[in-house]
Amino acid sequence: MAKSTPVVVGGIAVGVLIFLLLPGWLKLLALVAIIGIPAAGYMMLDPSQRRRLREQRRRGQLGR
């Protein structure tokens, strides 16, 4: 089992709970936050930092 598997399973479980327990407008707000926060963080990187991140992802060495 990969090291990230428990994190992915936990994230899915939390996502399902959020969508079961929250009212409609809060679901939309949670979805925007889940997508928007990482996207905003990526867009704040310099072009050189984005290139470096893409290279690390391609090599599979992110976090090492």
N, C-alpha and C. Protein backbone atom coordinates (compact mmCIF):
# COMPACT_ATOMS: atom_id res chain seq x y z
N MET A 1 0.85 -1.18 0.00
CA MET A 1 0.00 0.00 0.00
C MET A 1 0.89 1.24 0.00
N ALA A 2 0.57 2.20 -0.83
CA ALA A 2 1.35 3.43 -0.93
C ALA A 2 1.16 4.27 0.33
N LYS A 3 2.14 5.12 0.58
CA LYS A 3 2.08 5.97 1.77
C LYS A 3 0.91 6.95 1.72
N SER A 4 0.51 7.34 0.53
CA SER A 4 -0.55 8.34 0.41
C SER A 4 -1.96 7.73 0.43
N THR A 5 -2.07 6.42 0.40
CA THR A 5 -3.39 5.78 0.35
C THR A 5 -4.26 6.13 1.56
N PRO A 6 -3.75 6.05 2.81
CA PRO A 6 -4.61 6.43 3.94
C PRO A 6 -5.06 7.89 3.89
N VAL A 7 -4.23 8.76 3.38
CA VAL A 7 -4.61 10.17 3.26
C VAL A 7 -5.74 10.33 2.26
N VAL A 8 -5.65 9.64 1.14
CA VAL A 8 -6.69 9.72 0.12
C VAL A 8 -8.00 9.15 0.65
N VAL A 9 -7.96 8.02 1.32
CA VAL A 9 -9.17 7.41 1.88
C VAL A 9 -9.79 8.33 2.93
N GLY A 10 -8.96 8.92 3.78
CA GLY A 10 -9.47 9.86 4.78
C GLY A 10 -10.09 11.09 4.16
N GLY A 11 -9.48 11.61 3.10
CA GLY A 11 -10.03 12.76 2.42
C GLY A 11 -11.37 12.47 1.77
N ILE A 12 -11.50 11.30 1.20
CA ILE A 12 -12.77 10.91 0.59
C ILE A 12 -13.85 10.77 1.66
N ALA A 13 -13.48 10.17 2.81
CA ALA A 13 -14.44 10.00 3.90
C ALA A 13 -14.91 11.36 4.42
N VAL A 14 -13.99 12.28 4.61
CA VAL A 14 -14.37 13.62 5.08
C VAL A 14 -15.25 14.32 4.04
N GLY A 15 -14.92 14.17 2.76
CA GLY A 15 -15.73 14.78 1.71
C GLY A 15 -17.15 14.25 1.69
N VAL A 16 -17.29 12.94 1.85
CA VAL A 16 -18.63 12.34 1.87
C VAL A 16 -19.41 12.85 3.08
N LEU A 17 -18.77 12.93 4.24
CA LEU A 17 -19.45 13.44 5.44
C LEU A 17 -19.88 14.89 5.25
N ILE A 18 -19.01 15.70 4.66
CA ILE A 18 -19.37 17.10 4.42
C ILE A 18 -20.60 17.19 3.54
N PHE A 19 -20.62 16.41 2.47
CA PHE A 19 -21.75 16.51 1.55
C PHE A 19 -23.03 15.88 2.10
N LEU A 20 -22.91 15.00 3.07
CA LEU A 20 -24.11 14.44 3.70
C LEU A 20 -24.67 15.35 4.79
N LEU A 21 -23.82 16.06 5.49
CA LEU A 21 -24.25 16.79 6.68
C LEU A 21 -24.52 18.28 6.45
N LEU A 22 -23.93 18.87 5.44
CA LEU A 22 -24.08 20.32 5.26
C LEU A 22 -25.27 20.65 4.37
N PRO A 23 -25.90 21.81 4.61
CA PRO A 23 -26.98 22.27 3.72
C PRO A 23 -26.41 22.70 2.36
N GLY A 24 -27.28 22.95 1.41
CA GLY A 24 -26.91 23.18 0.02
C GLY A 24 -25.87 24.25 -0.23
N TRP A 25 -26.04 25.43 0.33
CA TRP A 25 -25.11 26.51 0.04
C TRP A 25 -23.75 26.26 0.67
N LEU A 26 -23.71 25.57 1.81
CA LEU A 26 -22.43 25.24 2.43
C LEU A 26 -21.69 24.16 1.63
N LYS A 27 -22.44 23.28 1.00
CA LYS A 27 -21.81 22.28 0.12
C LYS A 27 -21.09 22.98 -1.02
N LEU A 28 -21.75 23.97 -1.61
CA LEU A 28 -21.15 24.71 -2.70
C LEU A 28 -19.91 25.47 -2.23
N LEU A 29 -20.00 26.09 -1.05
CA LEU A 29 -18.87 26.81 -0.49
C LEU A 29 -17.70 25.87 -0.21
N ALA A 30 -17.98 24.67 0.32
CA ALA A 30 -16.93 23.69 0.58
C ALA A 30 -16.29 23.24 -0.72
N LEU A 31 -17.09 23.02 -1.75
CA LEU A 31 -16.55 22.59 -3.04
C LEU A 31 -15.65 23.66 -3.65
N VAL A 32 -16.08 24.93 -3.56
CA VAL A 32 -15.26 26.03 -4.07
C VAL A 32 -13.94 26.10 -3.31
N ALA A 33 -13.97 25.91 -1.99
CA ALA A 33 -12.75 25.96 -1.19
C ALA A 33 -11.83 24.79 -1.52
N ILE A 34 -12.39 23.60 -1.70
CA ILE A 34 -11.58 22.41 -1.99
C ILE A 34 -10.86 22.58 -3.33
N ILE A 35 -11.51 23.19 -4.29
CA ILE A 35 -10.89 23.38 -5.60
C ILE A 35 -10.10 24.68 -5.65
N GLY A 36 -10.62 25.74 -5.05
CA GLY A 36 -10.04 27.06 -5.20
C GLY A 36 -8.76 27.30 -4.43
N ILE A 37 -8.63 26.76 -3.23
CA ILE A 37 -7.44 27.03 -2.42
C ILE A 37 -6.18 26.46 -3.07
N PRO A 38 -6.17 25.18 -3.49
CA PRO A 38 -4.96 24.70 -4.17
C PRO A 38 -4.70 25.42 -5.51
N ALA A 39 -5.76 25.75 -6.23
CA ALA A 39 -5.58 26.45 -7.50
C ALA A 39 -4.99 27.84 -7.28
N ALA A 40 -5.46 28.54 -6.27
CA ALA A 40 -4.92 29.87 -5.96
C ALA A 40 -3.45 29.76 -5.54
N GLY A 41 -3.13 28.76 -4.75
CA GLY A 41 -1.74 28.56 -4.35
C GLY A 41 -0.83 28.29 -5.53
N TYR A 42 -1.31 27.49 -6.47
CA TYR A 42 -0.52 27.20 -7.67
C TYR A 42 -0.33 28.46 -8.52
N MET A 43 -1.38 29.26 -8.64
CA MET A 43 -1.30 30.47 -9.46
C MET A 43 -0.39 31.53 -8.83
N MET A 44 -0.15 31.45 -7.52
CA MET A 44 0.73 32.42 -6.87
C MET A 44 2.21 32.09 -7.06
N LEU A 45 2.53 30.93 -7.61
CA LEU A 45 3.92 30.57 -7.84
C LEU A 45 4.50 31.33 -9.03
N ASP A 46 5.81 31.57 -8.99
CA ASP A 46 6.51 32.15 -10.14
C ASP A 46 6.53 31.12 -11.27
N PRO A 47 6.72 31.55 -12.52
CA PRO A 47 6.84 30.58 -13.61
C PRO A 47 7.98 29.58 -13.38
N SER A 48 9.09 30.02 -12.78
CA SER A 48 10.19 29.09 -12.53
C SER A 48 9.81 28.07 -11.45
N GLN A 49 9.04 28.49 -10.45
CA GLN A 49 8.60 27.56 -9.41
C GLN A 49 7.60 26.55 -9.98
N ARG A 50 6.72 27.02 -10.87
CA ARG A 50 5.77 26.10 -11.51
C ARG A 50 6.51 25.06 -12.35
N ARG A 51 7.52 25.51 -13.08
CA ARG A 51 8.31 24.59 -13.90
C ARG A 51 9.00 23.55 -13.02
N ARG A 52 9.57 24.00 -11.91
CA ARG A 52 10.24 23.07 -10.99
C ARG A 52 9.25 22.06 -10.41
N LEU A 53 8.06 22.52 -10.05
CA LEU A 53 7.03 21.63 -9.52
C LEU A 53 6.60 20.60 -10.55
N ARG A 54 6.42 21.04 -11.81
CA ARG A 54 6.07 20.09 -12.88
C ARG A 54 7.15 19.05 -13.08
N GLU A 55 8.42 19.48 -13.03
CA GLU A 55 9.53 18.54 -13.20
C GLU A 55 9.56 17.52 -12.06
N GLN A 56 9.31 17.95 -10.84
CA GLN A 56 9.30 17.04 -9.70
C GLN A 56 8.15 16.04 -9.81
N ARG A 57 6.99 16.52 -10.23
CA ARG A 57 5.85 15.61 -10.40
C ARG A 57 6.14 14.56 -11.46
N ARG A 58 6.76 14.99 -12.56
CA ARG A 58 7.05 14.08 -13.66
C ARG A 58 8.02 12.98 -13.21
N ARG A 59 9.00 13.35 -12.38
CA ARG A 59 9.98 12.37 -11.90
C ARG A 59 9.46 11.55 -10.72
N GLY A 60 8.35 11.98 -10.12
CA GLY A 60 7.80 11.25 -8.99
C GLY A 60 8.59 11.45 -7.72
N GLN A 61 9.26 12.60 -7.59
CA GLN A 61 10.10 12.84 -6.44
C GLN A 61 9.56 13.94 -5.54
N LEU A 62 8.32 14.29 -5.66
CA LEU A 62 7.75 15.34 -4.84
C LEU A 62 7.75 14.90 -3.37
N GLY A 63 8.29 15.72 -2.51
CA GLY A 63 8.33 15.41 -1.08
C GLY A 63 9.51 14.57 -0.64
N ARG A 64 10.46 14.33 -1.51
CA ARG A 64 11.62 13.52 -1.13
C ARG A 64 12.84 14.38 -0.95
